[in-house]
């Protein structure tokens, strides 16, 4: 999921995991913010890839994740 998030501007992995709202928000942040900041906001794609990696680890251990769950606490302020 991390690689998929990385290759799809930060949202493909979320979409596949059922976190559709989070995927759409990520795409908007990366595309609009990336345009407004001349591409520097593309770094956010790496953050979402790491978050997807951590969530996938939890799923692999048998934990169920919520549609609004984040593995990185500071993302709770971004994805409301």
PDB file of N, CA and C in Angstrom:
ATOM      1  N   UNK A   1       0.818  -1.189   0.000  1.00  0.00           N
ATOM      2  CA  UNK A   1       0.000   0.000   0.000  1.00  0.00           C
ATOM      3  C   UNK A   1       0.868   1.263   0.000  1.00  0.00           C
ATOM      4  N   UNK A   2       2.003   1.170   0.660  1.00  0.00           N
ATOM      5  CA  UNK A   2       2.889   2.336   0.696  1.00  0.00           C
ATOM      6  C   UNK A   2       3.370   2.679  -0.713  1.00  0.00           C
ATOM      7  N   UNK A   3       3.800   1.694  -1.460  1.00  0.00           N
ATOM      8  CA  UNK A   3       4.268   1.932  -2.826  1.00  0.00           C
ATOM      9  C   UNK A   3       3.125   2.442  -3.700  1.00  0.00           C
ATOM     10  N   UNK A   4       1.952   1.873  -3.506  1.00  0.00           N
ATOM     11  CA  UNK A   4       0.792   2.306  -4.282  1.00  0.00           C
ATOM     12  C   UNK A   4       0.457   3.763  -3.958  1.00  0.00           C
ATOM     13  N   UNK A   5       0.528   4.139  -2.679  1.00  0.00           N
ATOM     14  CA  UNK A   5       0.314   5.543  -2.307  1.00  0.00           C
ATOM     15  C   UNK A   5       1.361   6.433  -2.958  1.00  0.00           C
ATOM     16  N   UNK A   6       2.587   5.975  -2.955  1.00  0.00           N
ATOM     17  CA  UNK A   6       3.678   6.764  -3.526  1.00  0.00           C
ATOM     18  C   UNK A   6       3.494   6.980  -5.026  1.00  0.00           C
ATOM     19  N   UNK A   7       3.042   5.960  -5.726  1.00  0.00           N
ATOM     20  CA  UNK A   7       2.892   6.038  -7.185  1.00  0.00           C
ATOM     21  C   UNK A   7       1.618   6.750  -7.642  1.00  0.00           C
ATOM     22  N   UNK A   8       0.657   6.913  -6.738  1.00  0.00           N
ATOM     23  CA  UNK A   8      -0.616   7.531  -7.127  1.00  0.00           C
ATOM     24  C   UNK A   8      -0.871   8.846  -6.406  1.00  0.00           C
ATOM     25  N   UNK A   9       0.159   9.618  -6.219  1.00  0.00           N
ATOM     26  CA  UNK A   9       0.057  10.948  -5.588  1.00  0.00           C
ATOM     27  C   UNK A   9      -0.536  10.885  -4.194  1.00  0.00           C
ATOM     28  N   UNK A  10      -0.267   9.819  -3.483  1.00  0.00           N
ATOM     29  CA  UNK A  10      -0.628   9.743  -2.078  1.00  0.00           C
ATOM     30  C   UNK A  10      -1.977   9.168  -1.730  1.00  0.00           C
ATOM     31  N   UNK A  11      -2.810   8.785  -2.676  1.00  0.00           N
ATOM     32  CA  UNK A  11      -4.160   8.357  -2.309  1.00  0.00           C
ATOM     33  C   UNK A  11      -4.585   6.966  -2.714  1.00  0.00           C
ATOM     34  N   UNK A  12      -3.876   6.326  -3.615  1.00  0.00           N
ATOM     35  CA  UNK A  12      -4.301   5.018  -4.117  1.00  0.00           C
ATOM     36  C   UNK A  12      -4.356   3.933  -3.061  1.00  0.00           C
ATOM     37  N   UNK A  13      -3.382   3.928  -2.176  1.00  0.00           N
ATOM     38  CA  UNK A  13      -3.365   2.940  -1.104  1.00  0.00           C
ATOM     39  C   UNK A  13      -4.522   3.133  -0.144  1.00  0.00           C
ATOM     40  N   UNK A  14      -4.808   4.391   0.178  1.00  0.00           N
ATOM     41  CA  UNK A  14      -5.949   4.686   1.044  1.00  0.00           C
ATOM     42  C   UNK A  14      -7.248   4.230   0.388  1.00  0.00           C
ATOM     43  N   UNK A  15      -7.380   4.506  -0.894  1.00  0.00           N
ATOM     44  CA  UNK A  15      -8.585   4.128  -1.633  1.00  0.00           C
ATOM     45  C   UNK A  15      -8.774   2.617  -1.575  1.00  0.00           C
ATOM     46  N   UNK A  16      -7.699   1.873  -1.784  1.00  0.00           N
ATOM     47  CA  UNK A  16      -7.763   0.415  -1.762  1.00  0.00           C
ATOM     48  C   UNK A  16      -8.112  -0.115  -0.370  1.00  0.00           C
ATOM     49  N   UNK A  17      -7.645   0.566   0.679  1.00  0.00           N
ATOM     50  CA  UNK A  17      -7.929   0.144   2.054  1.00  0.00           C
ATOM     51  C   UNK A  17      -9.330   0.545   2.509  1.00  0.00           C
ATOM     52  N   UNK A  18     -10.072   1.238   1.661  1.00  0.00           N
ATOM     53  CA  UNK A  18     -11.424   1.650   2.016  1.00  0.00           C
ATOM     54  C   UNK A  18     -11.509   3.021   2.645  1.00  0.00           C
ATOM     55  N   UNK A  19     -10.413   3.740   2.697  1.00  0.00           N
ATOM     56  CA  UNK A  19     -10.388   5.084   3.261  1.00  0.00           C
ATOM     57  C   UNK A  19     -10.553   6.093   2.128  1.00  0.00           C
ATOM     58  N   UNK A  20     -11.727   6.068   1.522  1.00  0.00           N
ATOM     59  CA  UNK A  20     -11.988   6.847   0.310  1.00  0.00           C
ATOM     60  C   UNK A  20     -11.924   8.358   0.559  1.00  0.00           C
ATOM     61  N   UNK A  21     -12.524   8.810   1.647  1.00  0.00           N
ATOM     62  CA  UNK A  21     -12.517  10.259   1.933  1.00  0.00           C
ATOM     63  C   UNK A  21     -11.082  10.750   2.135  1.00  0.00           C
ATOM     64  N   UNK A  22     -10.308   9.963   2.839  1.00  0.00           N
ATOM     65  CA  UNK A  22      -8.907  10.311   3.097  1.00  0.00           C
ATOM     66  C   UNK A  22      -8.114  10.339   1.785  1.00  0.00           C
ATOM     67  N   UNK A  23      -8.408   9.422   0.875  1.00  0.00           N
ATOM     68  CA  UNK A  23      -7.738   9.391  -0.429  1.00  0.00           C
ATOM     69  C   UNK A  23      -8.034  10.660  -1.222  1.00  0.00           C
ATOM     70  N   UNK A  24      -9.287  11.049  -1.255  1.00  0.00           N
ATOM     71  CA  UNK A  24      -9.675  12.250  -2.004  1.00  0.00           C
ATOM     72  C   UNK A  24      -9.035  13.493  -1.389  1.00  0.00           C
ATOM     73  N   UNK A  25      -9.030  13.577  -0.059  1.00  0.00           N
ATOM     74  CA  UNK A  25      -8.392  14.716   0.599  1.00  0.00           C
ATOM     75  C   UNK A  25      -6.899  14.762   0.287  1.00  0.00           C
ATOM     76  N   UNK A  26      -6.262  13.600   0.275  1.00  0.00           N
ATOM     77  CA  UNK A  26      -4.837  13.540  -0.032  1.00  0.00           C
ATOM     78  C   UNK A  26      -4.570  14.014  -1.444  1.00  0.00           C
ATOM     79  N   UNK A  27      -5.358  13.550  -2.402  1.00  0.00           N
ATOM     80  CA  UNK A  27      -5.166  13.976  -3.787  1.00  0.00           C
ATOM     81  C   UNK A  27      -5.335  15.484  -3.920  1.00  0.00           C
ATOM     82  N   UNK A  28      -6.323  16.040  -3.242  1.00  0.00           N
ATOM     83  CA  UNK A  28      -6.523  17.488  -3.308  1.00  0.00           C
ATOM     84  C   UNK A  28      -5.353  18.244  -2.698  1.00  0.00           C
ATOM     85  N   UNK A  29      -4.880  17.774  -1.554  1.00  0.00           N
ATOM     86  CA  UNK A  29      -3.744  18.435  -0.902  1.00  0.00           C
ATOM     87  C   UNK A  29      -2.507  18.385  -1.782  1.00  0.00           C
ATOM     88  N   UNK A  30      -2.215  17.210  -2.325  1.00  0.00           N
ATOM     89  CA  UNK A  30      -0.998  17.040  -3.125  1.00  0.00           C
ATOM     90  C   UNK A  30      -1.090  17.794  -4.450  1.00  0.00           C
ATOM     91  N   UNK A  31      -2.210  17.688  -5.130  1.00  0.00           N
ATOM     92  CA  UNK A  31      -2.321  18.327  -6.443  1.00  0.00           C
ATOM     93  C   UNK A  31      -2.456  19.846  -6.350  1.00  0.00           C
ATOM     94  N   UNK A  32      -3.385  20.329  -5.536  1.00  0.00           N
ATOM     95  CA  UNK A  32      -3.583  21.775  -5.418  1.00  0.00           C
ATOM     96  C   UNK A  32      -2.408  22.409  -4.673  1.00  0.00           C
ATOM     97  N   UNK A  33      -2.041  21.811  -3.542  1.00  0.00           N
ATOM     98  CA  UNK A  33      -0.924  22.352  -2.765  1.00  0.00           C
ATOM     99  C   UNK A  33       0.385  22.270  -3.519  1.00  0.00           C
ATOM    100  N   UNK A  34       0.581  21.186  -4.257  1.00  0.00           N
ATOM    101  CA  UNK A  34       1.794  21.050  -5.063  1.00  0.00           C
ATOM    102  C   UNK A  34       1.876  22.114  -6.139  1.00  0.00           C
ATOM    103  N   UNK A  35       0.740  22.430  -6.736  1.00  0.00           N
ATOM    104  CA  UNK A  35       0.704  23.483  -7.749  1.00  0.00           C
ATOM    105  C   UNK A  35       1.014  24.848  -7.138  1.00  0.00           C
ATOM    106  N   UNK A  36       0.401  25.112  -5.977  1.00  0.00           N
ATOM    107  CA  UNK A  36       0.584  26.415  -5.336  1.00  0.00           C
ATOM    108  C   UNK A  36       1.980  26.607  -4.753  1.00  0.00           C
ATOM    109  N   UNK A  37       2.640  25.518  -4.398  1.00  0.00           N
ATOM    110  CA  UNK A  37       3.976  25.622  -3.794  1.00  0.00           C
ATOM    111  C   UNK A  37       5.081  25.188  -4.756  1.00  0.00           C
ATOM    112  N   UNK A  38       4.789  25.201  -6.030  1.00  0.00           N
ATOM    113  CA  UNK A  38       5.753  24.814  -7.072  1.00  0.00           C
ATOM    114  C   UNK A  38       6.326  23.412  -6.837  1.00  0.00           C
ATOM    115  N   UNK A  39       5.497  22.530  -6.352  1.00  0.00           N
ATOM    116  CA  UNK A  39       5.893  21.134  -6.218  1.00  0.00           C
ATOM    117  C   UNK A  39       6.451  20.714  -4.876  1.00  0.00           C
ATOM    118  N   UNK A  40       6.687  21.631  -3.969  1.00  0.00           N
ATOM    119  CA  UNK A  40       7.292  21.231  -2.697  1.00  0.00           C
ATOM    120  C   UNK A  40       6.335  20.430  -1.809  1.00  0.00           C
ATOM    121  N   UNK A  41       5.049  20.564  -2.028  1.00  0.00           N
ATOM    122  CA  UNK A  41       4.095  19.804  -1.225  1.00  0.00           C
ATOM    123  C   UNK A  41       4.015  18.343  -1.667  1.00  0.00           C
ATOM    124  N   UNK A  42       4.711  17.985  -2.730  1.00  0.00           N
ATOM    125  CA  UNK A  42       4.758  16.581  -3.144  1.00  0.00           C
ATOM    126  C   UNK A  42       5.441  15.726  -2.085  1.00  0.00           C
ATOM    127  N   UNK A  43       6.168  16.346  -1.177  1.00  0.00           N
ATOM    128  CA  UNK A  43       6.785  15.631  -0.059  1.00  0.00           C
ATOM    129  C   UNK A  43       5.700  14.954   0.781  1.00  0.00           C
ATOM    130  N   UNK A  44       4.520  15.523   0.798  1.00  0.00           N
ATOM    131  CA  UNK A  44       3.399  14.952   1.542  1.00  0.00           C
ATOM    132  C   UNK A  44       3.084  13.538   1.063  1.00  0.00           C
ATOM    133  N   UNK A  45       3.378  13.238  -0.198  1.00  0.00           N
ATOM    134  CA  UNK A  45       3.169  11.898  -0.737  1.00  0.00           C
ATOM    135  C   UNK A  45       3.991  10.868   0.039  1.00  0.00           C
ATOM    136  N   UNK A  46       5.198  11.222   0.431  1.00  0.00           N
ATOM    137  CA  UNK A  46       6.036  10.307   1.205  1.00  0.00           C
ATOM    138  C   UNK A  46       5.465  10.081   2.601  1.00  0.00           C
ATOM    139  N   UNK A  47       4.889  11.123   3.178  1.00  0.00           N
ATOM    140  CA  UNK A  47       4.264  10.995   4.494  1.00  0.00           C
ATOM    141  C   UNK A  47       3.071  10.048   4.415  1.00  0.00           C
ATOM    142  N   UNK A  48       2.241  10.204   3.390  1.00  0.00           N
ATOM    143  CA  UNK A  48       1.079   9.330   3.257  1.00  0.00           C
ATOM    144  C   UNK A  48       1.500   7.899   2.934  1.00  0.00           C
ATOM    145  N   UNK A  49       2.595   7.735   2.207  1.00  0.00           N
ATOM    146  CA  UNK A  49       3.092   6.382   1.931  1.00  0.00           C
ATOM    147  C   UNK A  49       3.521   5.700   3.222  1.00  0.00           C
ATOM    148  N   UNK A  50       4.184   6.427   4.101  1.00  0.00           N
ATOM    149  CA  UNK A  50       4.601   5.861   5.381  1.00  0.00           C
ATOM    150  C   UNK A  50       3.392   5.549   6.264  1.00  0.00           C
ATOM    151  N   UNK A  51       2.406   6.425   6.247  1.00  0.00           N
ATOM    152  CA  UNK A  51       1.183   6.189   7.004  1.00  0.00           C
ATOM    153  C   UNK A  51       0.479   4.927   6.491  1.00  0.00           C
ATOM    154  N   UNK A  52       0.392   4.775   5.182  1.00  0.00           N
ATOM    155  CA  UNK A  52      -0.231   3.580   4.601  1.00  0.00           C
ATOM    156  C   UNK A  52       0.559   2.328   4.969  1.00  0.00           C
ATOM    157  N   UNK A  53       1.871   2.434   4.993  1.00  0.00           N
ATOM    158  CA  UNK A  53       2.718   1.303   5.392  1.00  0.00           C
ATOM    159  C   UNK A  53       2.398   0.873   6.825  1.00  0.00           C
ATOM    160  N   UNK A  54       2.319   1.846   7.723  1.00  0.00           N
ATOM    161  CA  UNK A  54       2.030   1.525   9.117  1.00  0.00           C
ATOM    162  C   UNK A  54       0.628   0.940   9.292  1.00  0.00           C
ATOM    163  N   UNK A  55      -0.341   1.470   8.572  1.00  0.00           N
ATOM    164  CA  UNK A  55      -1.699   0.928   8.647  1.00  0.00           C
ATOM    165  C   UNK A  55      -1.758  -0.491   8.095  1.00  0.00           C
ATOM    166  N   UNK A  56      -1.028  -0.735   7.017  1.00  0.00           N
ATOM    167  CA  UNK A  56      -0.993  -2.077   6.435  1.00  0.00           C
ATOM    168  C   UNK A  56      -0.346  -3.068   7.397  1.00  0.00           C
ATOM    169  N   UNK A  57       0.652  -2.619   8.140  1.00  0.00           N
ATOM    170  CA  UNK A  57       1.270  -3.467   9.165  1.00  0.00           C
ATOM    171  C   UNK A  57       0.228  -3.890  10.196  1.00  0.00           C
ATOM    172  N   UNK A  58      -0.605  -2.963  10.607  1.00  0.00           N
ATOM    173  CA  UNK A  58      -1.647  -3.269  11.590  1.00  0.00           C
ATOM    174  C   UNK A  58      -2.657  -4.268  11.033  1.00  0.00           C
ATOM    175  N   UNK A  59      -3.035  -4.077   9.775  1.00  0.00           N
ATOM    176  CA  UNK A  59      -3.966  -5.013   9.140  1.00  0.00           C
ATOM    177  C   UNK A  59      -3.335  -6.405   9.073  1.00  0.00           C
ATOM    178  N   UNK A  60      -2.054  -6.456   8.766  1.00  0.00           N
ATOM    179  CA  UNK A  60      -1.339  -7.731   8.703  1.00  0.00           C
ATOM    180  C   UNK A  60      -1.299  -8.457  10.039  1.00  0.00           C
ATOM    181  N   UNK A  61      -1.388  -7.708  11.131  1.00  0.00           N
ATOM    182  CA  UNK A  61      -1.404  -8.305  12.463  1.00  0.00           C
ATOM    183  C   UNK A  61      -2.819  -8.674  12.908  1.00  0.00           C
ATOM    184  N   UNK A  62      -3.780  -8.463  12.023  1.00  0.00           N
ATOM    185  CA  UNK A  62      -5.156  -8.844  12.314  1.00  0.00           C
ATOM    186  C   UNK A  62      -6.016  -7.739  12.894  1.00  0.00           C
ATOM    187  N   UNK A  63      -5.484  -6.541  12.999  1.00  0.00           N
ATOM    188  CA  UNK A  63      -6.237  -5.413  13.540  1.00  0.00           C
ATOM    189  C   UNK A  63      -7.127  -4.821  12.455  1.00  0.00           C
ATOM    190  N   UNK A  64      -8.323  -4.442  12.844  1.00  0.00           N
ATOM    191  CA  UNK A  64      -9.213  -3.747  11.907  1.00  0.00           C
ATOM    192  C   UNK A  64      -8.947  -2.252  12.019  1.00  0.00           C
ATOM    193  N   UNK A  65      -8.895  -1.581  10.877  1.00  0.00           N
ATOM    194  CA  UNK A  65      -8.683  -0.135  10.901  1.00  0.00           C
ATOM    195  C   UNK A  65      -9.978   0.564  10.516  1.00  0.00           C
ATOM    196  N   UNK A  66     -10.192   1.716  11.132  1.00  0.00           N
ATOM    197  CA  UNK A  66     -11.373   2.516  10.824  1.00  0.00           C
ATOM    198  C   UNK A  66     -11.130   3.295   9.524  1.00  0.00           C
ATOM    199  N   UNK A  67     -12.190   3.768   8.940  1.00  0.00           N
ATOM    200  CA  UNK A  67     -12.058   4.520   7.686  1.00  0.00           C
ATOM    201  C   UNK A  67     -11.389   5.873   7.896  1.00  0.00           C
ATOM    202  N   UNK A  68     -11.370   6.348   9.132  1.00  0.00           N
ATOM    203  CA  UNK A  68     -10.741   7.643   9.407  1.00  0.00           C
ATOM    204  C   UNK A  68      -9.467   7.505  10.242  1.00  0.00           C
ATOM    205  N   UNK A  69      -8.958   6.304  10.380  1.00  0.00           N
ATOM    206  CA  UNK A  69      -7.793   6.062  11.235  1.00  0.00           C
ATOM    207  C   UNK A  69      -6.492   6.447  10.550  1.00  0.00           C
ATOM    208  N   UNK A  70      -5.593   7.036  11.341  1.00  0.00           N
ATOM    209  CA  UNK A  70      -4.258   7.396  10.880  1.00  0.00           C
ATOM    210  C   UNK A  70      -3.242   6.718  11.786  1.00  0.00           C
ATOM    211  N   UNK A  71      -2.135   6.313  11.241  1.00  0.00           N
ATOM    212  CA  UNK A  71      -1.067   5.727  12.048  1.00  0.00           C
ATOM    213  C   UNK A  71      -0.158   6.820  12.609  1.00  0.00           C
ATOM    214  N   UNK A  72      -0.102   7.933  11.941  1.00  0.00           N
ATOM    215  CA  UNK A  72       0.709   9.071  12.383  1.00  0.00           C
ATOM    216  C   UNK A  72      -0.220  10.095  13.031  1.00  0.00           C
ATOM    217  N   UNK A  73      -0.049  10.366  14.330  1.00  0.00           N
ATOM    218  CA  UNK A  73      -0.990  11.221  15.063  1.00  0.00           C
ATOM    219  C   UNK A  73      -1.203  12.625  14.484  1.00  0.00           C
ATOM    220  N   UNK A  74      -0.176  13.235  13.914  1.00  0.00           N
ATOM    221  CA  UNK A  74      -0.355  14.603  13.400  1.00  0.00           C
ATOM    222  C   UNK A  74      -1.283  14.650  12.189  1.00  0.00           C
ATOM    223  N   UNK A  75      -1.513  13.513  11.530  1.00  0.00           N
ATOM    224  CA  UNK A  75      -2.431  13.491  10.395  1.00  0.00           C
ATOM    225  C   UNK A  75      -3.889  13.627  10.832  1.00  0.00           C
ATOM    226  N   UNK A  76      -4.150  13.397  12.113  1.00  0.00           N
ATOM    227  CA  UNK A  76      -5.514  13.595  12.618  1.00  0.00           C
ATOM    228  C   UNK A  76      -5.962  15.039  12.446  1.00  0.00           C
ATOM    229  N   UNK A  77      -5.020  15.973  12.513  1.00  0.00           N
ATOM    230  CA  UNK A  77      -5.359  17.397  12.334  1.00  0.00           C
ATOM    231  C   UNK A  77      -5.606  17.739  10.871  1.00  0.00           C
ATOM    232  N   UNK A  78      -5.023  16.981   9.969  1.00  0.00           N
ATOM    233  CA  UNK A  78      -5.172  17.253   8.534  1.00  0.00           C
ATOM    234  C   UNK A  78      -6.434  16.584   7.985  1.00  0.00           C
ATOM    235  N   UNK A  79      -6.635  15.318   8.335  1.00  0.00           N
ATOM    236  CA  UNK A  79      -7.778  14.554   7.836  1.00  0.00           C
ATOM    237  C   UNK A  79      -8.868  14.544   8.895  1.00  0.00           C
ATOM    238  N   UNK A  80      -9.791  15.469   8.809  1.00  0.00           N
ATOM    239  CA  UNK A  80     -10.902  15.542   9.765  1.00  0.00           C
ATOM    240  C   UNK A  80     -12.156  15.067   9.129  1.00  0.00           C
TER     241      UNK A  80
END
